[in-house]
């Protein structure tokens, strides 16, 4: 009996030493900067803490497409990735948005390539020193990660969170940063993207009016746009997204995790 109890304790200790994170979510760790600086090799990106200069932060995005596996972090900790139980939904949109013609397909590719180039050339250092906030206070109508079927044909997953919003509802910057996209795009419609530094971007899609321009420095809570129904939509709403180092992640999970450092 004692051997069984001992074995159970060892197993519990093993799993307790692992950090568990779901695909599409974020892992945030805070460590002493001196300890991180002693590491000879670093495979993860550690960024400066916005308020505590002797601390460093690991913001590790887990792709929605990540397989169940274990990761070994620079600091010796182990992360176990598991598959989340995401929902599915069907959406009806205009046929020209569901099946773009060749001209619009070329436009979509050009806009995607342009955005990816911007995301790859992010600002070193961070613009923010306060917690992230929601872009509006409203009911969530579609969660991150939902499997999607557009007009019963196009399969994808939802790369952000949708907030219910009548046309003209104010949209506020989730945190301080620099505007890097402010334009109309085929799928995302009137769009604003903010670079918060170190590869962290926030996205605001399907707007009716944009209140900022590329290059503007914006503060947390600043009005940046009005909600609308532009782009590929089934009705008025705000699509809010967070991208970290090229990986789309659950924006609300990111906010909950990153705000624990304050």
Protein backbone atom coordinates (compact mmCIF):
# COMPACT_ATOMS: atom_id res chain seq x y z
CA UNK A 1 0.00 0.00 0.00
CA UNK A 2 2.86 2.36 0.87
CA UNK A 3 4.43 1.71 -2.55
CA UNK A 4 1.18 2.62 -4.30
CA UNK A 5 0.87 5.85 -2.32
CA UNK A 6 4.51 6.70 -3.04
CA UNK A 7 4.00 6.05 -6.76
CA UNK A 8 0.91 8.27 -6.81
CA UNK A 9 2.82 11.07 -5.08
CA UNK A 10 5.65 10.79 -7.61
CA UNK A 11 3.21 10.98 -10.53
CA UNK A 12 1.44 13.97 -8.97
CA UNK A 13 4.78 15.71 -8.47
CA UNK A 14 5.74 15.00 -12.09
CA UNK A 15 2.58 16.59 -13.50
CA UNK A 16 2.76 19.46 -10.99
CA UNK A 17 6.20 20.33 -12.41
CA UNK A 18 4.72 20.64 -15.91
CA UNK A 19 3.04 23.75 -17.25
CA UNK A 20 -0.12 22.86 -19.16
CA UNK A 21 -1.43 25.01 -22.01
CA UNK A 22 -4.13 24.52 -24.64
CA UNK A 23 -3.61 24.99 -28.37
CA UNK A 24 -4.51 28.54 -29.40
CA UNK A 25 -3.66 29.90 -25.95
CA UNK A 26 -0.70 31.74 -24.43
CA UNK A 27 1.83 30.90 -21.74
CA UNK A 28 3.21 33.86 -19.77
CA UNK A 29 6.11 33.44 -17.33
CA UNK A 30 8.08 35.96 -15.28
CA UNK A 31 11.69 35.22 -14.35
CA UNK A 32 14.68 37.05 -12.89
CA UNK A 33 16.54 38.83 -15.69
CA UNK A 34 19.93 37.86 -14.27
CA UNK A 35 19.03 34.18 -14.41
CA UNK A 36 17.81 34.48 -17.99
CA UNK A 37 20.98 36.37 -18.89
CA UNK A 38 23.11 33.46 -17.64
CA UNK A 39 21.59 31.08 -20.18
CA UNK A 40 24.12 30.24 -22.90
CA UNK A 41 21.44 29.41 -25.43
CA UNK A 42 17.92 30.76 -25.61
CA UNK A 43 15.35 29.24 -27.96
CA UNK A 44 12.48 31.35 -26.61
CA UNK A 45 12.14 35.14 -26.72
CA UNK A 46 12.26 36.89 -23.35
CA UNK A 47 11.12 40.52 -23.25
CA UNK A 48 11.63 43.20 -20.59
CA UNK A 49 9.03 43.51 -17.84
CA UNK A 50 7.14 46.81 -18.36
CA UNK A 51 7.44 47.84 -14.70
CA UNK A 52 10.06 45.69 -12.96
CA UNK A 53 13.44 46.22 -14.60
CA UNK A 54 15.02 43.18 -12.93
CA UNK A 55 12.42 40.84 -14.43
CA UNK A 56 11.97 39.30 -17.87
CA UNK A 57 8.80 37.90 -19.42
CA UNK A 58 8.28 34.91 -21.66
CA UNK A 59 5.20 35.27 -23.86
CA UNK A 60 4.85 31.91 -25.59
CA UNK A 61 2.03 31.67 -28.18
CA UNK A 62 0.71 28.18 -28.91
CA UNK A 63 -0.65 27.79 -32.43
CA UNK A 64 -4.21 26.61 -32.95
CA UNK A 65 -2.69 23.90 -35.15
CA UNK A 66 -0.18 22.72 -32.53
CA UNK A 67 -0.13 18.98 -31.86
CA UNK A 68 -0.22 17.49 -28.37
CA UNK A 69 3.39 17.37 -27.22
CA UNK A 70 5.89 18.61 -24.66
CA UNK A 71 8.16 21.65 -24.94
CA UNK A 72 11.32 22.23 -22.94
CA UNK A 73 11.78 25.88 -21.99
CA UNK A 74 15.07 27.73 -21.59
CA UNK A 75 14.64 27.84 -17.81
CA UNK A 76 14.28 24.06 -17.56
CA UNK A 77 10.52 23.99 -17.18
CA UNK A 78 8.36 21.67 -19.28
CA UNK A 79 5.20 22.72 -21.11
CA UNK A 80 2.60 20.15 -22.08
CA UNK A 81 0.34 21.20 -24.98
CA UNK A 82 -3.09 19.64 -25.25
CA UNK A 83 -5.93 20.02 -27.75
CA UNK A 84 -8.79 22.24 -26.65
CA UNK A 85 -12.45 21.44 -27.08
CA UNK A 86 -13.44 24.17 -29.54
CA UNK A 87 -16.98 24.58 -30.85
CA UNK A 88 -18.18 24.79 -34.46
CA UNK A 89 -20.52 27.25 -36.18
CA UNK A 90 -22.09 27.95 -39.57
CA UNK A 91 -22.05 31.45 -41.06
CA UNK A 92 -23.88 32.90 -44.07
CA UNK A 93 -22.15 35.67 -46.03
CA UNK A 94 -22.47 37.26 -49.47
CA UNK A 95 -21.49 34.78 -52.18
CA UNK A 96 -18.81 37.11 -53.57
CA UNK A 97 -17.11 37.04 -50.16
CA UNK A 98 -17.48 33.27 -49.77
CA UNK A 99 -16.13 32.56 -53.27
CA UNK A 100 -13.93 35.50 -54.33
CA UNK A 101 -13.31 35.89 -58.06
CA UNK A 102 -9.71 35.74 -59.37
CA UNK A 103 -9.26 39.50 -59.07
CA UNK A 104 -10.35 39.50 -55.44
CA UNK A 105 -8.28 36.40 -54.72
CA UNK A 106 -5.24 38.32 -55.92
CA UNK A 107 -6.23 41.23 -53.67
CA UNK A 108 -6.59 38.90 -50.67
CA UNK A 109 -3.12 37.47 -51.29
CA UNK A 110 -1.58 40.93 -51.68
CA UNK A 111 -3.18 42.13 -48.44
CA UNK A 112 -2.09 38.99 -46.59
CA UNK A 113 1.49 39.31 -47.85
CA UNK A 114 1.55 42.99 -46.88
CA UNK A 115 0.34 42.19 -43.36
CA UNK A 116 2.80 39.32 -42.89
CA UNK A 117 5.68 41.61 -43.88
CA UNK A 118 4.53 44.12 -41.25
CA UNK A 119 4.24 41.42 -38.58
CA UNK A 120 7.75 40.19 -39.35
CA UNK A 121 9.23 43.69 -38.85
CA UNK A 122 7.90 44.47 -35.39
CA UNK A 123 9.24 47.09 -33.01
CA UNK A 124 12.01 46.07 -30.61
CA UNK A 125 11.02 46.90 -27.04
CA UNK A 126 7.47 47.51 -25.83
CA UNK A 127 5.20 50.56 -25.93
CA UNK A 128 3.03 49.57 -22.94
CA UNK A 129 3.45 49.62 -19.17
CA UNK A 130 -0.14 49.02 -18.08
CA UNK A 131 -2.57 46.07 -18.34
CA UNK A 132 -4.36 45.33 -21.61
CA UNK A 133 -8.08 46.11 -21.84
CA UNK A 134 -11.00 44.92 -23.97
CA UNK A 135 -11.67 47.18 -27.00
CA UNK A 136 -15.30 47.53 -25.89
CA UNK A 137 -17.69 46.20 -23.25
CA UNK A 138 -20.22 44.08 -25.08
CA UNK A 139 -21.58 40.56 -25.39
CA UNK A 140 -19.28 38.05 -27.07
CA UNK A 141 -21.05 36.48 -30.04
CA UNK A 142 -18.30 34.19 -31.34
CA UNK A 143 -15.30 32.86 -29.43
CA UNK A 144 -11.78 32.23 -30.63
CA UNK A 145 -11.11 28.83 -32.15
CA UNK A 146 -14.61 27.99 -33.32
CA UNK A 147 -14.52 25.80 -36.44
CA UNK A 148 -16.30 27.71 -39.20
CA UNK A 149 -18.27 26.75 -42.27
CA UNK A 150 -19.00 29.72 -44.57
CA UNK A 151 -22.11 29.12 -46.69
CA UNK A 152 -21.60 25.40 -45.96
CA UNK A 153 -18.42 25.33 -48.05
CA UNK A 154 -15.41 27.21 -46.70
CA UNK A 155 -13.83 25.64 -43.64
CA UNK A 156 -11.58 27.59 -41.30
CA UNK A 157 -11.28 28.49 -37.65
CA UNK A 158 -12.11 31.76 -35.92
CA UNK A 159 -8.83 33.57 -35.30
CA UNK A 160 -10.26 36.17 -32.91
CA UNK A 161 -13.19 37.06 -30.69
CA UNK A 162 -16.35 38.77 -31.94
CA UNK A 163 -18.10 41.44 -29.87
CA UNK A 164 -21.71 42.38 -30.55
CA UNK A 165 -21.67 45.99 -31.77
CA UNK A 166 -24.17 48.13 -33.63
CA UNK A 167 -22.72 50.19 -36.47
CA UNK A 168 -20.93 53.22 -35.03
CA UNK A 169 -20.03 51.74 -31.62
CA UNK A 170 -16.71 53.19 -30.34
CA UNK A 171 -13.66 50.90 -30.45
CA UNK A 172 -10.73 51.60 -28.12
CA UNK A 173 -7.06 50.60 -28.27
CA UNK A 174 -6.38 47.58 -26.07
CA UNK A 175 -3.03 49.09 -25.09
CA UNK A 176 -0.47 51.69 -26.15
CA UNK A 177 1.36 51.20 -29.43
CA UNK A 178 1.86 52.32 -33.01
CA UNK A 179 -0.71 51.98 -35.80
CA UNK A 180 0.71 49.83 -38.60
CA UNK A 181 -2.45 49.07 -40.62
CA UNK A 182 -5.42 51.42 -41.12
CA UNK A 183 -7.24 50.62 -44.35
CA UNK A 184 -10.05 48.74 -46.06
CA UNK A 185 -9.31 45.08 -46.84
CA UNK A 186 -11.36 42.50 -48.70
CA UNK A 187 -11.97 40.01 -45.88
CA UNK A 188 -11.32 42.11 -42.77
CA UNK A 189 -13.04 45.23 -44.09
CA UNK A 190 -12.07 48.55 -42.52
CA UNK A 191 -9.17 47.44 -40.32
CA UNK A 192 -6.86 48.81 -37.66
CA UNK A 193 -3.78 46.93 -36.44
CA UNK A 194 -1.60 48.20 -33.58
CA UNK A 195 2.02 47.19 -32.96
CA UNK A 196 2.58 46.96 -29.18
CA UNK A 197 6.23 45.97 -29.55
CA UNK A 198 8.21 42.72 -29.44
CA UNK A 199 5.92 41.01 -31.93
CA UNK A 200 2.62 41.65 -30.10
CA UNK A 201 -0.14 43.08 -32.31
CA UNK A 202 -3.84 43.79 -31.70
CA UNK A 203 -6.38 43.75 -34.54
CA UNK A 204 -9.76 45.44 -34.97
CA UNK A 205 -11.77 44.37 -38.03
CA UNK A 206 -15.04 45.13 -39.88
CA UNK A 207 -15.14 48.79 -38.81
CA UNK A 208 -17.37 51.46 -40.36
CA UNK A 209 -14.93 54.32 -39.76
CA UNK A 210 -11.24 54.51 -38.91
CA UNK A 211 -10.10 57.32 -36.60
CA UNK A 212 -6.32 56.83 -36.87
CA UNK A 213 -3.68 56.54 -39.59
CA UNK A 214 -0.54 54.48 -40.10
CA UNK A 215 2.31 55.80 -37.97
CA UNK A 216 0.10 57.27 -35.24
CA UNK A 217 1.11 56.57 -31.64
CA UNK A 218 -1.98 55.65 -29.65
CA UNK A 219 -2.54 55.27 -25.94
CA UNK A 220 -4.43 52.55 -24.11
CA UNK A 221 -8.16 53.31 -24.22
CA UNK A 222 -7.86 55.82 -27.09
CA UNK A 223 -10.66 55.88 -29.67
CA UNK A 224 -9.33 54.27 -32.86
CA UNK A 225 -12.42 53.32 -34.89
CA UNK A 226 -16.17 52.77 -35.01
CA UNK A 227 -17.65 49.31 -35.44
CA UNK A 228 -19.39 48.29 -38.65
CA UNK A 229 -20.15 45.46 -41.05
CA UNK A 230 -17.43 45.82 -43.70
CA UNK A 231 -15.57 42.86 -45.17
CA UNK A 232 -16.69 39.23 -44.92
CA UNK A 233 -19.40 39.39 -42.25
CA UNK A 234 -22.88 38.11 -41.51
CA UNK A 235 -23.80 41.30 -39.63
CA UNK A 236 -22.37 44.25 -37.66
CA UNK A 237 -19.77 43.34 -35.01
CA UNK A 238 -16.17 43.86 -33.95
CA UNK A 239 -13.62 41.14 -34.63
CA UNK A 240 -10.82 41.55 -32.08
CA UNK A 241 -7.59 39.61 -32.44
CA UNK A 242 -4.14 39.27 -30.90
CA UNK A 243 -1.08 38.04 -32.77
CA UNK A 244 2.21 37.19 -31.03
CA UNK A 245 5.31 36.53 -33.13
CA UNK A 246 3.21 35.54 -36.13
CA UNK A 247 0.83 33.28 -34.19
CA UNK A 248 -2.88 34.08 -33.84
CA UNK A 249 -3.99 33.34 -30.28
CA UNK A 250 -7.11 33.68 -28.15
CA UNK A 251 -7.16 37.44 -27.41
CA UNK A 252 -9.14 37.19 -24.18
CA UNK A 253 -6.89 34.44 -22.86
CA UNK A 254 -3.87 36.57 -23.76
CA UNK A 255 -5.25 39.56 -21.87
CA UNK A 256 -6.02 37.44 -18.80
CA UNK A 257 -2.52 35.91 -18.82
CA UNK A 258 -0.45 39.01 -19.62
CA UNK A 259 -2.28 41.09 -17.01
CA UNK A 260 -1.12 38.71 -14.25
CA UNK A 261 2.33 40.33 -14.44
CA UNK A 262 0.99 43.60 -13.00
